[in-house]
């Protein structure tokens, strides 16, 4: 009789211990995790006032909250359907799965930097939290120490050794160490471009405006006017500004017709937004960046342009929205993948 009572007490104690550990491990994780998610979402609400220059970090906080939500949901399901000791062990694969999700989204989440990306100076907290460029005020204004010409021994000003052609001197930002030779082998999900730019084609009376490019990426080639997106700009704003600066025209109601992704084997990469416009204002001028000219659409000189242009530009002019990915070695295209969809 005493043995049976003793066994029964042990069984009850075992159940209590199992319930205790189940409650301690999951409940004590779940509540702080919930508070952390709420904190991240409140922070995201404060980021909405900085979308113009911090949209990337606003999405980073959303991705972070989504990863936390993934772990939270898993804990709820474990607690609902399993009991100790199995519930305790299932926390391990749930945590591993959450870690994998965080790793896959690492370049989208971990974008908050404490130091300037150019001069390595400590950044104010506001810049760290709300500015996508991760630059100090001096570098954002173009006055970093590295960009100021230095006096040589004879008193002359030395020019910066950096080249404006990224194929000659690729920027260090998001530089890719090992680039595969085909589009299919490249990890596009984790990719962050070195730079983002726009192209804008203006059409009139069966002709399209092109330029002979005088400097920078593609110097000597025929291309459309365009250039890099400045911090805080939207792509369509860049399209208007670049045409004004390069050829003196203001496109009216430009609309997006494609998004292009380029990766070069030297580690440089570029994301491009393509715009079309059929109305414009201003007088055409030549600048130190571009020599503009009109050409009939059927006579576009693809042989003098980037190799990819002949693949996607006719599709865009045919009314399709183009999404394309390319791998280049210098100016030679190695691989491509082009998808189209109806343009709304």
C-alpha atoms as a PDB file:
ATOM      1  CA  UNK A   1       0.000   0.000   0.000  1.00  0.00           C
ATOM      2  CA  UNK A   2       2.798   2.400   0.928  1.00  0.00           C
ATOM      3  CA  UNK A   3       4.618   1.520  -2.321  1.00  0.00           C
ATOM      4  CA  UNK A   4       1.530   2.403  -4.349  1.00  0.00           C
ATOM      5  CA  UNK A   5       1.134   5.745  -2.572  1.00  0.00           C
ATOM      6  CA  UNK A   6       4.815   6.501  -3.111  1.00  0.00           C
ATOM      7  CA  UNK A   7       4.569   5.689  -6.827  1.00  0.00           C
ATOM      8  CA  UNK A   8       1.462   7.838  -7.172  1.00  0.00           C
ATOM      9  CA  UNK A   9       3.216  10.786  -5.525  1.00  0.00           C
ATOM     10  CA  UNK A  10       6.206  10.423  -7.834  1.00  0.00           C
ATOM     11  CA  UNK A  11       3.891  10.404 -10.836  1.00  0.00           C
ATOM     12  CA  UNK A  12       2.121  13.550  -9.605  1.00  0.00           C
ATOM     13  CA  UNK A  13       5.477  15.248  -8.966  1.00  0.00           C
ATOM     14  CA  UNK A  14       6.605  14.264 -12.489  1.00  0.00           C
ATOM     15  CA  UNK A  15       3.485  15.875 -13.967  1.00  0.00           C
ATOM     16  CA  UNK A  16       4.019  19.023 -11.911  1.00  0.00           C
ATOM     17  CA  UNK A  17       7.649  19.292 -12.983  1.00  0.00           C
ATOM     18  CA  UNK A  18       6.670  18.809 -16.635  1.00  0.00           C
ATOM     19  CA  UNK A  19       3.980  21.489 -16.408  1.00  0.00           C
ATOM     20  CA  UNK A  20       6.386  23.798 -14.571  1.00  0.00           C
ATOM     21  CA  UNK A  21       9.125  23.514 -17.149  1.00  0.00           C
ATOM     22  CA  UNK A  22       6.647  23.834 -19.998  1.00  0.00           C
ATOM     23  CA  UNK A  23       5.325  27.054 -18.477  1.00  0.00           C
ATOM     24  CA  UNK A  24       8.774  28.415 -17.581  1.00  0.00           C
ATOM     25  CA  UNK A  25      10.423  27.855 -20.957  1.00  0.00           C
ATOM     26  CA  UNK A  26       7.591  28.880 -23.279  1.00  0.00           C
ATOM     27  CA  UNK A  27       5.600  31.409 -21.259  1.00  0.00           C
ATOM     28  CA  UNK A  28       8.677  33.183 -20.015  1.00  0.00           C
ATOM     29  CA  UNK A  29       9.907  33.480 -23.632  1.00  0.00           C
ATOM     30  CA  UNK A  30       6.569  34.236 -25.221  1.00  0.00           C
ATOM     31  CA  UNK A  31       5.657  37.288 -23.130  1.00  0.00           C
ATOM     32  CA  UNK A  32       8.966  39.200 -23.610  1.00  0.00           C
ATOM     33  CA  UNK A  33       8.885  38.199 -27.287  1.00  0.00           C
ATOM     34  CA  UNK A  34       5.430  39.717 -27.639  1.00  0.00           C
ATOM     35  CA  UNK A  35       6.603  42.915 -25.978  1.00  0.00           C
ATOM     36  CA  UNK A  36       9.618  43.030 -28.288  1.00  0.00           C
ATOM     37  CA  UNK A  37       7.369  42.716 -31.368  1.00  0.00           C
ATOM     38  CA  UNK A  38       5.166  45.530 -30.100  1.00  0.00           C
ATOM     39  CA  UNK A  39       8.261  47.661 -29.543  1.00  0.00           C
ATOM     40  CA  UNK A  40       9.500  47.031 -33.078  1.00  0.00           C
ATOM     41  CA  UNK A  41       6.117  47.948 -34.565  1.00  0.00           C
ATOM     42  CA  UNK A  42       5.950  51.142 -32.500  1.00  0.00           C
ATOM     43  CA  UNK A  43       9.437  51.983 -33.805  1.00  0.00           C
ATOM     44  CA  UNK A  44       8.177  51.289 -37.329  1.00  0.00           C
ATOM     45  CA  UNK A  45       5.399  53.828 -36.803  1.00  0.00           C
ATOM     46  CA  UNK A  46       7.990  56.478 -35.931  1.00  0.00           C
ATOM     47  CA  UNK A  47       9.859  55.627 -39.155  1.00  0.00           C
ATOM     48  CA  UNK A  48       6.885  56.642 -41.277  1.00  0.00           C
ATOM     49  CA  UNK A  49       7.814  60.249 -40.773  1.00  0.00           C
ATOM     50  CA  UNK A  50      11.188  59.565 -42.427  1.00  0.00           C
ATOM     51  CA  UNK A  51      10.100  57.568 -45.486  1.00  0.00           C
ATOM     52  CA  UNK A  52      11.678  60.037 -47.905  1.00  0.00           C
ATOM     53  CA  UNK A  53      15.201  59.167 -46.765  1.00  0.00           C
ATOM     54  CA  UNK A  54      14.629  55.996 -44.723  1.00  0.00           C
ATOM     55  CA  UNK A  55      12.176  53.725 -46.495  1.00  0.00           C
ATOM     56  CA  UNK A  56      14.701  50.889 -46.556  1.00  0.00           C
ATOM     57  CA  UNK A  57      15.073  50.920 -42.781  1.00  0.00           C
ATOM     58  CA  UNK A  58      11.318  51.098 -42.335  1.00  0.00           C
ATOM     59  CA  UNK A  59      11.023  47.860 -44.293  1.00  0.00           C
ATOM     60  CA  UNK A  60      13.942  46.449 -42.277  1.00  0.00           C
ATOM     61  CA  UNK A  61      11.959  46.859 -39.062  1.00  0.00           C
ATOM     62  CA  UNK A  62       8.953  45.191 -40.710  1.00  0.00           C
ATOM     63  CA  UNK A  63      11.096  42.233 -41.759  1.00  0.00           C
ATOM     64  CA  UNK A  64      12.473  42.036 -38.222  1.00  0.00           C
ATOM     65  CA  UNK A  65       8.967  42.019 -36.758  1.00  0.00           C
ATOM     66  CA  UNK A  66       7.969  39.273 -39.206  1.00  0.00           C
ATOM     67  CA  UNK A  67      10.867  37.074 -38.023  1.00  0.00           C
ATOM     68  CA  UNK A  68       9.856  37.610 -34.398  1.00  0.00           C
ATOM     69  CA  UNK A  69       6.252  36.805 -35.305  1.00  0.00           C
ATOM     70  CA  UNK A  70       7.393  33.551 -36.887  1.00  0.00           C
ATOM     71  CA  UNK A  71       9.000  32.446 -33.619  1.00  0.00           C
ATOM     72  CA  UNK A  72       5.996  33.626 -31.586  1.00  0.00           C
ATOM     73  CA  UNK A  73       3.509  31.631 -33.687  1.00  0.00           C
ATOM     74  CA  UNK A  74       5.654  28.519 -33.416  1.00  0.00           C
ATOM     75  CA  UNK A  75       5.748  28.833 -29.631  1.00  0.00           C
ATOM     76  CA  UNK A  76       1.965  29.195 -29.500  1.00  0.00           C
ATOM     77  CA  UNK A  77       1.488  26.063 -31.595  1.00  0.00           C
ATOM     78  CA  UNK A  78       3.960  24.085 -29.500  1.00  0.00           C
ATOM     79  CA  UNK A  79       2.242  25.123 -26.302  1.00  0.00           C
ATOM     80  CA  UNK A  80      -1.193  24.266 -27.675  1.00  0.00           C
ATOM     81  CA  UNK A  81      -0.506  20.841 -29.144  1.00  0.00           C
ATOM     82  CA  UNK A  82       2.396  19.424 -27.125  1.00  0.00           C
ATOM     83  CA  UNK A  83       3.255  18.852 -23.492  1.00  0.00           C
ATOM     84  CA  UNK A  84       6.527  18.414 -21.626  1.00  0.00           C
ATOM     85  CA  UNK A  85       9.089  17.071 -22.207  1.00  0.00           C
ATOM     86  CA  UNK A  86       8.504  17.087 -26.002  1.00  0.00           C
ATOM     87  CA  UNK A  87       7.400  20.729 -25.977  1.00  0.00           C
ATOM     88  CA  UNK A  88      10.755  21.745 -24.489  1.00  0.00           C
ATOM     89  CA  UNK A  89      12.685  20.001 -27.238  1.00  0.00           C
ATOM     90  CA  UNK A  90      10.521  21.473 -30.003  1.00  0.00           C
ATOM     91  CA  UNK A  91      11.652  24.949 -28.995  1.00  0.00           C
ATOM     92  CA  UNK A  92      15.065  24.077 -30.457  1.00  0.00           C
ATOM     93  CA  UNK A  93      13.949  23.443 -34.079  1.00  0.00           C
ATOM     94  CA  UNK A  94      11.584  26.430 -33.838  1.00  0.00           C
ATOM     95  CA  UNK A  95      14.516  28.633 -32.879  1.00  0.00           C
ATOM     96  CA  UNK A  96      16.665  27.149 -35.636  1.00  0.00           C
ATOM     97  CA  UNK A  97      13.946  27.787 -38.229  1.00  0.00           C
ATOM     98  CA  UNK A  98      13.647  31.384 -37.044  1.00  0.00           C
ATOM     99  CA  UNK A  99      17.430  31.764 -37.246  1.00  0.00           C
ATOM    100  CA  UNK A 100      17.392  30.508 -40.835  1.00  0.00           C
ATOM    101  CA  UNK A 101      14.692  33.038 -41.731  1.00  0.00           C
ATOM    102  CA  UNK A 102      16.729  35.819 -40.133  1.00  0.00           C
ATOM    103  CA  UNK A 103      19.831  34.702 -42.029  1.00  0.00           C
ATOM    104  CA  UNK A 104      18.021  34.709 -45.376  1.00  0.00           C
ATOM    105  CA  UNK A 105      16.735  38.220 -44.668  1.00  0.00           C
ATOM    106  CA  UNK A 106      19.972  39.459 -43.111  1.00  0.00           C
ATOM    107  CA  UNK A 107      20.728  42.051 -45.806  1.00  0.00           C
ATOM    108  CA  UNK A 108      17.217  43.449 -45.482  1.00  0.00           C
ATOM    109  CA  UNK A 109      17.141  43.514 -41.671  1.00  0.00           C
ATOM    110  CA  UNK A 110      20.663  44.337 -40.507  1.00  0.00           C
ATOM    111  CA  UNK A 111      20.995  47.706 -42.226  1.00  0.00           C
ATOM    112  CA  UNK A 112      21.372  49.833 -39.098  1.00  0.00           C
ATOM    113  CA  UNK A 113      24.999  50.991 -38.963  1.00  0.00           C
ATOM    114  CA  UNK A 114      26.747  52.817 -36.128  1.00  0.00           C
ATOM    115  CA  UNK A 115      29.532  54.257 -38.279  1.00  0.00           C
ATOM    116  CA  UNK A 116      29.623  56.270 -41.506  1.00  0.00           C
ATOM    117  CA  UNK A 117      30.033  54.103 -44.595  1.00  0.00           C
ATOM    118  CA  UNK A 118      32.651  56.479 -46.053  1.00  0.00           C
ATOM    119  CA  UNK A 119      34.732  58.058 -43.285  1.00  0.00           C
ATOM    120  CA  UNK A 120      33.925  55.609 -40.441  1.00  0.00           C
ATOM    121  CA  UNK A 121      32.860  58.407 -38.100  1.00  0.00           C
ATOM    122  CA  UNK A 122      30.309  57.577 -35.402  1.00  0.00           C
ATOM    123  CA  UNK A 123      26.764  58.304 -36.572  1.00  0.00           C
ATOM    124  CA  UNK A 124      24.078  60.086 -34.534  1.00  0.00           C
ATOM    125  CA  UNK A 125      21.362  57.743 -33.313  1.00  0.00           C
ATOM    126  CA  UNK A 126      18.794  59.461 -35.542  1.00  0.00           C
ATOM    127  CA  UNK A 127      20.893  58.744 -38.644  1.00  0.00           C
ATOM    128  CA  UNK A 128      21.389  55.129 -37.589  1.00  0.00           C
ATOM    129  CA  UNK A 129      17.660  54.596 -37.175  1.00  0.00           C
ATOM    130  CA  UNK A 130      16.135  56.722 -39.929  1.00  0.00           C
ATOM    131  CA  UNK A 131      18.585  57.291 -42.807  1.00  0.00           C
ATOM    132  CA  UNK A 132      19.177  54.614 -45.450  1.00  0.00           C
ATOM    133  CA  UNK A 133      22.515  55.997 -46.659  1.00  0.00           C
ATOM    134  CA  UNK A 134      24.348  55.509 -43.302  1.00  0.00           C
ATOM    135  CA  UNK A 135      26.414  58.628 -43.958  1.00  0.00           C
ATOM    136  CA  UNK A 136      27.459  61.406 -41.606  1.00  0.00           C
ATOM    137  CA  UNK A 137      26.336  64.950 -42.392  1.00  0.00           C
ATOM    138  CA  UNK A 138      29.699  65.887 -43.907  1.00  0.00           C
ATOM    139  CA  UNK A 139      29.832  62.921 -46.277  1.00  0.00           C
ATOM    140  CA  UNK A 140      26.165  63.338 -47.224  1.00  0.00           C
ATOM    141  CA  UNK A 141      26.958  66.903 -48.254  1.00  0.00           C
ATOM    142  CA  UNK A 142      29.864  65.647 -50.350  1.00  0.00           C
ATOM    143  CA  UNK A 143      32.579  66.854 -48.025  1.00  0.00           C
ATOM    144  CA  UNK A 144      34.180  63.648 -46.747  1.00  0.00           C
ATOM    145  CA  UNK A 145      37.886  63.762 -46.097  1.00  0.00           C
ATOM    146  CA  UNK A 146      38.543  61.280 -48.866  1.00  0.00           C
ATOM    147  CA  UNK A 147      36.832  63.460 -51.469  1.00  0.00           C
ATOM    148  CA  UNK A 148      38.761  66.699 -50.690  1.00  0.00           C
ATOM    149  CA  UNK A 149      41.764  67.250 -52.960  1.00  0.00           C
ATOM    150  CA  UNK A 150      45.062  67.355 -51.078  1.00  0.00           C
ATOM    151  CA  UNK A 151      48.017  69.668 -51.645  1.00  0.00           C
ATOM    152  CA  UNK A 152      51.040  68.087 -53.275  1.00  0.00           C
ATOM    153  CA  UNK A 153      54.618  69.038 -52.349  1.00  0.00           C
ATOM    154  CA  UNK A 154      54.832  71.684 -55.105  1.00  0.00           C
ATOM    155  CA  UNK A 155      51.609  73.343 -53.945  1.00  0.00           C
ATOM    156  CA  UNK A 156      49.414  72.022 -56.746  1.00  0.00           C
ATOM    157  CA  UNK A 157      46.099  70.321 -56.083  1.00  0.00           C
ATOM    158  CA  UNK A 158      46.099  66.567 -56.594  1.00  0.00           C
ATOM    159  CA  UNK A 159      43.035  65.110 -58.273  1.00  0.00           C
ATOM    160  CA  UNK A 160      41.207  62.260 -56.638  1.00  0.00           C
ATOM    161  CA  UNK A 161      42.568  58.917 -57.825  1.00  0.00           C
ATOM    162  CA  UNK A 162      39.147  57.364 -57.891  1.00  0.00           C
ATOM    163  CA  UNK A 163      37.532  56.766 -61.254  1.00  0.00           C
ATOM    164  CA  UNK A 164      33.916  57.549 -62.102  1.00  0.00           C
ATOM    165  CA  UNK A 165      33.755  54.261 -64.009  1.00  0.00           C
ATOM    166  CA  UNK A 166      32.786  51.449 -61.591  1.00  0.00           C
ATOM    167  CA  UNK A 167      34.148  48.858 -64.032  1.00  0.00           C
ATOM    168  CA  UNK A 168      37.592  50.397 -63.470  1.00  0.00           C
ATOM    169  CA  UNK A 169      37.245  51.181 -59.767  1.00  0.00           C
ATOM    170  CA  UNK A 170      34.171  49.469 -58.318  1.00  0.00           C
ATOM    171  CA  UNK A 171      32.775  51.033 -55.121  1.00  0.00           C
ATOM    172  CA  UNK A 172      33.160  49.083 -51.905  1.00  0.00           C
ATOM    173  CA  UNK A 173      29.466  49.373 -50.971  1.00  0.00           C
ATOM    174  CA  UNK A 174      27.762  45.960 -51.325  1.00  0.00           C
ATOM    175  CA  UNK A 175      30.691  44.708 -53.384  1.00  0.00           C
ATOM    176  CA  UNK A 176      30.339  41.029 -54.261  1.00  0.00           C
ATOM    177  CA  UNK A 177      33.415  38.875 -53.638  1.00  0.00           C
ATOM    178  CA  UNK A 178      32.558  35.908 -55.862  1.00  0.00           C
ATOM    179  CA  UNK A 179      30.236  36.350 -58.823  1.00  0.00           C
ATOM    180  CA  UNK A 180      28.884  33.266 -60.621  1.00  0.00           C
ATOM    181  CA  UNK A 181      28.848  33.159 -64.398  1.00  0.00           C
ATOM    182  CA  UNK A 182      25.127  32.581 -64.831  1.00  0.00           C
ATOM    183  CA  UNK A 183      21.963  34.291 -63.640  1.00  0.00           C
ATOM    184  CA  UNK A 184      20.611  31.014 -62.261  1.00  0.00           C
ATOM    185  CA  UNK A 185      23.571  30.532 -59.910  1.00  0.00           C
ATOM    186  CA  UNK A 186      23.365  33.993 -58.363  1.00  0.00           C
ATOM    187  CA  UNK A 187      21.569  34.563 -55.021  1.00  0.00           C
ATOM    188  CA  UNK A 188      19.204  37.348 -56.071  1.00  0.00           C
ATOM    189  CA  UNK A 189      17.147  37.119 -52.867  1.00  0.00           C
ATOM    190  CA  UNK A 190      20.079  38.248 -50.721  1.00  0.00           C
ATOM    191  CA  UNK A 191      21.428  40.713 -53.288  1.00  0.00           C
ATOM    192  CA  UNK A 192      21.821  44.404 -52.503  1.00  0.00           C
ATOM    193  CA  UNK A 193      23.061  46.534 -55.441  1.00  0.00           C
ATOM    194  CA  UNK A 194      26.117  48.757 -55.176  1.00  0.00           C
ATOM    195  CA  UNK A 195      24.098  51.555 -56.767  1.00  0.00           C
ATOM    196  CA  UNK A 196      20.612  52.270 -58.087  1.00  0.00           C
ATOM    197  CA  UNK A 197      20.016  54.334 -61.211  1.00  0.00           C
ATOM    198  CA  UNK A 198      17.431  55.269 -63.827  1.00  0.00           C
ATOM    199  CA  UNK A 199      17.150  55.535 -67.605  1.00  0.00           C
ATOM    200  CA  UNK A 200      14.532  57.671 -69.309  1.00  0.00           C
ATOM    201  CA  UNK A 201      13.604  57.392 -72.993  1.00  0.00           C
ATOM    202  CA  UNK A 202      11.696  60.288 -74.565  1.00  0.00           C
ATOM    203  CA  UNK A 203       9.696  59.589 -77.723  1.00  0.00           C
ATOM    204  CA  UNK A 204       8.303  62.031 -80.313  1.00  0.00           C
ATOM    205  CA  UNK A 205       6.930  61.474 -83.811  1.00  0.00           C
ATOM    206  CA  UNK A 206       8.415  58.009 -84.231  1.00  0.00           C
ATOM    207  CA  UNK A 207      11.820  59.016 -82.839  1.00  0.00           C
ATOM    208  CA  UNK A 208      13.570  58.373 -79.532  1.00  0.00           C
ATOM    209  CA  UNK A 209      16.087  60.560 -77.724  1.00  0.00           C
ATOM    210  CA  UNK A 210      19.464  58.910 -77.122  1.00  0.00           C
ATOM    211  CA  UNK A 211      22.868  60.210 -76.052  1.00  0.00           C
ATOM    212  CA  UNK A 212      26.502  59.620 -76.789  1.00  0.00           C
ATOM    213  CA  UNK A 213      27.771  59.121 -73.245  1.00  0.00           C
ATOM    214  CA  UNK A 214      30.887  61.141 -72.492  1.00  0.00           C
ATOM    215  CA  UNK A 215      31.920  59.857 -69.078  1.00  0.00           C
ATOM    216  CA  UNK A 216      31.203  57.321 -66.349  1.00  0.00           C
ATOM    217  CA  UNK A 217      29.806  53.838 -66.769  1.00  0.00           C
ATOM    218  CA  UNK A 218      29.383  53.141 -70.486  1.00  0.00           C
ATOM    219  CA  UNK A 219      31.543  56.046 -71.660  1.00  0.00           C
ATOM    220  CA  UNK A 220      31.648  56.054 -75.475  1.00  0.00           C
ATOM    221  CA  UNK A 221      28.451  54.055 -75.828  1.00  0.00           C
ATOM    222  CA  UNK A 222      25.004  55.133 -76.965  1.00  0.00           C
ATOM    223  CA  UNK A 223      22.435  55.094 -74.187  1.00  0.00           C
ATOM    224  CA  UNK A 224      19.385  56.911 -72.854  1.00  0.00           C
ATOM    225  CA  UNK A 225      19.776  59.863 -70.484  1.00  0.00           C
ATOM    226  CA  UNK A 226      19.841  58.859 -66.846  1.00  0.00           C
ATOM    227  CA  UNK A 227      21.947  58.485 -63.762  1.00  0.00           C
ATOM    228  CA  UNK A 228      22.235  57.433 -60.148  1.00  0.00           C
ATOM    229  CA  UNK A 229      19.499  58.002 -57.583  1.00  0.00           C
ATOM    230  CA  UNK A 230      20.427  60.471 -54.854  1.00  0.00           C
ATOM    231  CA  UNK A 231      19.541  59.745 -51.198  1.00  0.00           C
ATOM    232  CA  UNK A 232      15.921  60.592 -50.526  1.00  0.00           C
ATOM    233  CA  UNK A 233      14.915  60.629 -54.193  1.00  0.00           C
ATOM    234  CA  UNK A 234      12.265  58.488 -55.791  1.00  0.00           C
ATOM    235  CA  UNK A 235      13.256  56.946 -59.154  1.00  0.00           C
ATOM    236  CA  UNK A 236      10.805  59.103 -61.120  1.00  0.00           C
ATOM    237  CA  UNK A 237      12.272  62.231 -59.513  1.00  0.00           C
ATOM    238  CA  UNK A 238      15.744  61.113 -60.555  1.00  0.00           C
ATOM    239  CA  UNK A 239      14.544  60.587 -64.128  1.00  0.00           C
ATOM    240  CA  UNK A 240      13.303  64.188 -64.313  1.00  0.00           C
ATOM    241  CA  UNK A 241      16.431  65.620 -62.678  1.00  0.00           C
ATOM    242  CA  UNK A 242      18.890  63.660 -64.812  1.00  0.00           C
ATOM    243  CA  UNK A 243      17.249  64.696 -68.083  1.00  0.00           C
ATOM    244  CA  UNK A 244      17.277  68.310 -66.989  1.00  0.00           C
ATOM    245  CA  UNK A 245      20.966  68.091 -66.082  1.00  0.00           C
ATOM    246  CA  UNK A 246      22.172  66.024 -69.043  1.00  0.00           C
ATOM    247  CA  UNK A 247      20.120  67.276 -72.004  1.00  0.00           C
ATOM    248  CA  UNK A 248      18.101  70.270 -70.798  1.00  0.00           C
ATOM    249  CA  UNK A 249      14.682  68.657 -71.163  1.00  0.00           C
ATOM    250  CA  UNK A 250      11.972  68.048 -68.563  1.00  0.00           C
ATOM    251  CA  UNK A 251       9.974  64.871 -69.238  1.00  0.00           C
ATOM    252  CA  UNK A 252       6.264  65.207 -68.529  1.00  0.00           C
ATOM    253  CA  UNK A 253       4.490  62.329 -66.794  1.00  0.00           C
ATOM    254  CA  UNK A 254       7.239  59.721 -67.160  1.00  0.00           C
ATOM    255  CA  UNK A 255       6.099  56.192 -66.359  1.00  0.00           C
ATOM    256  CA  UNK A 256       8.062  53.087 -65.395  1.00  0.00           C
ATOM    257  CA  UNK A 257       8.366  50.300 -67.971  1.00  0.00           C
ATOM    258  CA  UNK A 258      11.042  48.054 -66.509  1.00  0.00           C
ATOM    259  CA  UNK A 259      13.444  47.105 -63.768  1.00  0.00           C
ATOM    260  CA  UNK A 260      16.884  45.793 -64.632  1.00  0.00           C
ATOM    261  CA  UNK A 261      19.450  44.107 -62.392  1.00  0.00           C
ATOM    262  CA  UNK A 262      23.114  43.976 -63.408  1.00  0.00           C
ATOM    263  CA  UNK A 263      25.941  42.135 -61.669  1.00  0.00           C
ATOM    264  CA  UNK A 264      29.527  42.463 -62.925  1.00  0.00           C
ATOM    265  CA  UNK A 265      32.264  39.932 -62.298  1.00  0.00           C
ATOM    266  CA  UNK A 266      34.467  42.593 -60.675  1.00  0.00           C
ATOM    267  CA  UNK A 267      31.978  42.791 -57.784  1.00  0.00           C
ATOM    268  CA  UNK A 268      30.061  45.882 -58.882  1.00  0.00           C
ATOM    269  CA  UNK A 269      26.285  45.668 -59.280  1.00  0.00           C
ATOM    270  CA  UNK A 270      23.529  48.022 -60.372  1.00  0.00           C
ATOM    271  CA  UNK A 271      19.744  48.136 -60.183  1.00  0.00           C
ATOM    272  CA  UNK A 272      18.045  50.183 -62.869  1.00  0.00           C
ATOM    273  CA  UNK A 273      14.563  51.680 -63.250  1.00  0.00           C
ATOM    274  CA  UNK A 274      13.513  52.393 -66.846  1.00  0.00           C
ATOM    275  CA  UNK A 275      11.059  55.173 -67.722  1.00  0.00           C
ATOM    276  CA  UNK A 276       9.319  56.286 -70.921  1.00  0.00           C
ATOM    277  CA  UNK A 277       7.895  59.745 -71.639  1.00  0.00           C
ATOM    278  CA  UNK A 278       6.065  61.089 -74.676  1.00  0.00           C
ATOM    279  CA  UNK A 279       5.830  64.764 -73.724  1.00  0.00           C
ATOM    280  CA  UNK A 280       8.541  67.167 -72.589  1.00  0.00           C
ATOM    281  CA  UNK A 281       9.475  70.795 -72.077  1.00  0.00           C
ATOM    282  CA  UNK A 282      12.698  72.700 -72.689  1.00  0.00           C
ATOM    283  CA  UNK A 283      15.374  73.040 -75.341  1.00  0.00           C
ATOM    284  CA  UNK A 284      17.793  70.225 -76.146  1.00  0.00           C
ATOM    285  CA  UNK A 285      21.391  71.002 -75.131  1.00  0.00           C
ATOM    286  CA  UNK A 286      24.737  69.222 -75.072  1.00  0.00           C
ATOM    287  CA  UNK A 287      26.559  68.960 -71.737  1.00  0.00           C
ATOM    288  CA  UNK A 288      29.857  67.614 -70.476  1.00  0.00           C
ATOM    289  CA  UNK A 289      28.034  64.353 -69.720  1.00  0.00           C
ATOM    290  CA  UNK A 290      26.061  63.721 -72.877  1.00  0.00           C
ATOM    291  CA  UNK A 291      25.708  64.535 -76.567  1.00  0.00           C
ATOM    292  CA  UNK A 292      21.977  64.064 -77.315  1.00  0.00           C
ATOM    293  CA  UNK A 293      20.445  63.141 -80.650  1.00  0.00           C
ATOM    294  CA  UNK A 294      17.115  61.970 -82.057  1.00  0.00           C
ATOM    295  CA  UNK A 295      16.923  58.737 -84.024  1.00  0.00           C
ATOM    296  CA  UNK A 296      14.000  56.872 -85.644  1.00  0.00           C
ATOM    297  CA  UNK A 297      12.859  53.985 -83.452  1.00  0.00           C
ATOM    298  CA  UNK A 298      13.511  51.483 -86.245  1.00  0.00           C
ATOM    299  CA  UNK A 299      17.100  52.750 -86.558  1.00  0.00           C
ATOM    300  CA  UNK A 300      18.169  52.513 -82.908  1.00  0.00           C
ATOM    301  CA  UNK A 301      21.938  51.747 -83.063  1.00  0.00           C
ATOM    302  CA  UNK A 302      21.963  48.642 -80.868  1.00  0.00           C
ATOM    303  CA  UNK A 303      25.456  47.795 -82.105  1.00  0.00           C
ATOM    304  CA  UNK A 304      26.811  50.854 -80.289  1.00  0.00           C
ATOM    305  CA  UNK A 305      24.831  50.245 -77.097  1.00  0.00           C
ATOM    306  CA  UNK A 306      25.109  47.871 -74.141  1.00  0.00           C
ATOM    307  CA  UNK A 307      24.591  44.318 -75.297  1.00  0.00           C
ATOM    308  CA  UNK A 308      21.453  43.801 -73.193  1.00  0.00           C
ATOM    309  CA  UNK A 309      19.572  46.749 -74.740  1.00  0.00           C
ATOM    310  CA  UNK A 310      18.695  44.787 -77.880  1.00  0.00           C
ATOM    311  CA  UNK A 311      17.046  42.114 -75.721  1.00  0.00           C
ATOM    312  CA  UNK A 312      14.736  44.100 -73.449  1.00  0.00           C
ATOM    313  CA  UNK A 313      14.195  47.528 -75.073  1.00  0.00           C
ATOM    314  CA  UNK A 314      12.071  46.222 -78.005  1.00  0.00           C
ATOM    315  CA  UNK A 315       9.874  44.388 -75.470  1.00  0.00           C
ATOM    316  CA  UNK A 316       9.352  47.576 -73.462  1.00  0.00           C
ATOM    317  CA  UNK A 317       8.536  49.553 -76.616  1.00  0.00           C
ATOM    318  CA  UNK A 318       6.036  46.811 -77.489  1.00  0.00           C
ATOM    319  CA  UNK A 319       4.016  47.662 -74.367  1.00  0.00           C
ATOM    320  CA  UNK A 320       5.420  45.093 -71.919  1.00  0.00           C
ATOM    321  CA  UNK A 321       6.704  45.692 -68.398  1.00  0.00           C
ATOM    322  CA  UNK A 322      10.178  44.150 -68.323  1.00  0.00           C
ATOM    323  CA  UNK A 323      12.016  42.569 -65.403  1.00  0.00           C
ATOM    324  CA  UNK A 324      15.491  41.408 -66.378  1.00  0.00           C
ATOM    325  CA  UNK A 325      18.663  40.126 -64.740  1.00  0.00           C
ATOM    326  CA  UNK A 326      22.124  40.122 -66.281  1.00  0.00           C
ATOM    327  CA  UNK A 327      25.646  38.959 -65.478  1.00  0.00           C
ATOM    328  CA  UNK A 328      28.414  40.949 -67.199  1.00  0.00           C
ATOM    329  CA  UNK A 329      32.162  40.573 -67.486  1.00  0.00           C
ATOM    330  CA  UNK A 330      33.303  44.078 -68.273  1.00  0.00           C
ATOM    331  CA  UNK A 331      31.119  45.086 -71.227  1.00  0.00           C
ATOM    332  CA  UNK A 332      30.419  41.501 -72.315  1.00  0.00           C
ATOM    333  CA  UNK A 333      27.159  39.868 -71.291  1.00  0.00           C
ATOM    334  CA  UNK A 334      27.589  36.362 -69.847  1.00  0.00           C
ATOM    335  CA  UNK A 335      24.049  35.441 -68.843  1.00  0.00           C
ATOM    336  CA  UNK A 336      20.529  36.853 -68.853  1.00  0.00           C
ATOM    337  CA  UNK A 337      16.974  36.192 -67.734  1.00  0.00           C
ATOM    338  CA  UNK A 338      14.122  38.365 -68.972  1.00  0.00           C
ATOM    339  CA  UNK A 339      10.487  38.246 -67.882  1.00  0.00           C
ATOM    340  CA  UNK A 340       7.638  40.383 -69.158  1.00  0.00           C
ATOM    341  CA  UNK A 341       4.130  41.163 -68.004  1.00  0.00           C
ATOM    342  CA  UNK A 342       1.291  43.364 -69.285  1.00  0.00           C
ATOM    343  CA  UNK A 343       1.800  47.000 -68.452  1.00  0.00           C
ATOM    344  CA  UNK A 344      -1.117  48.535 -66.584  1.00  0.00           C
END
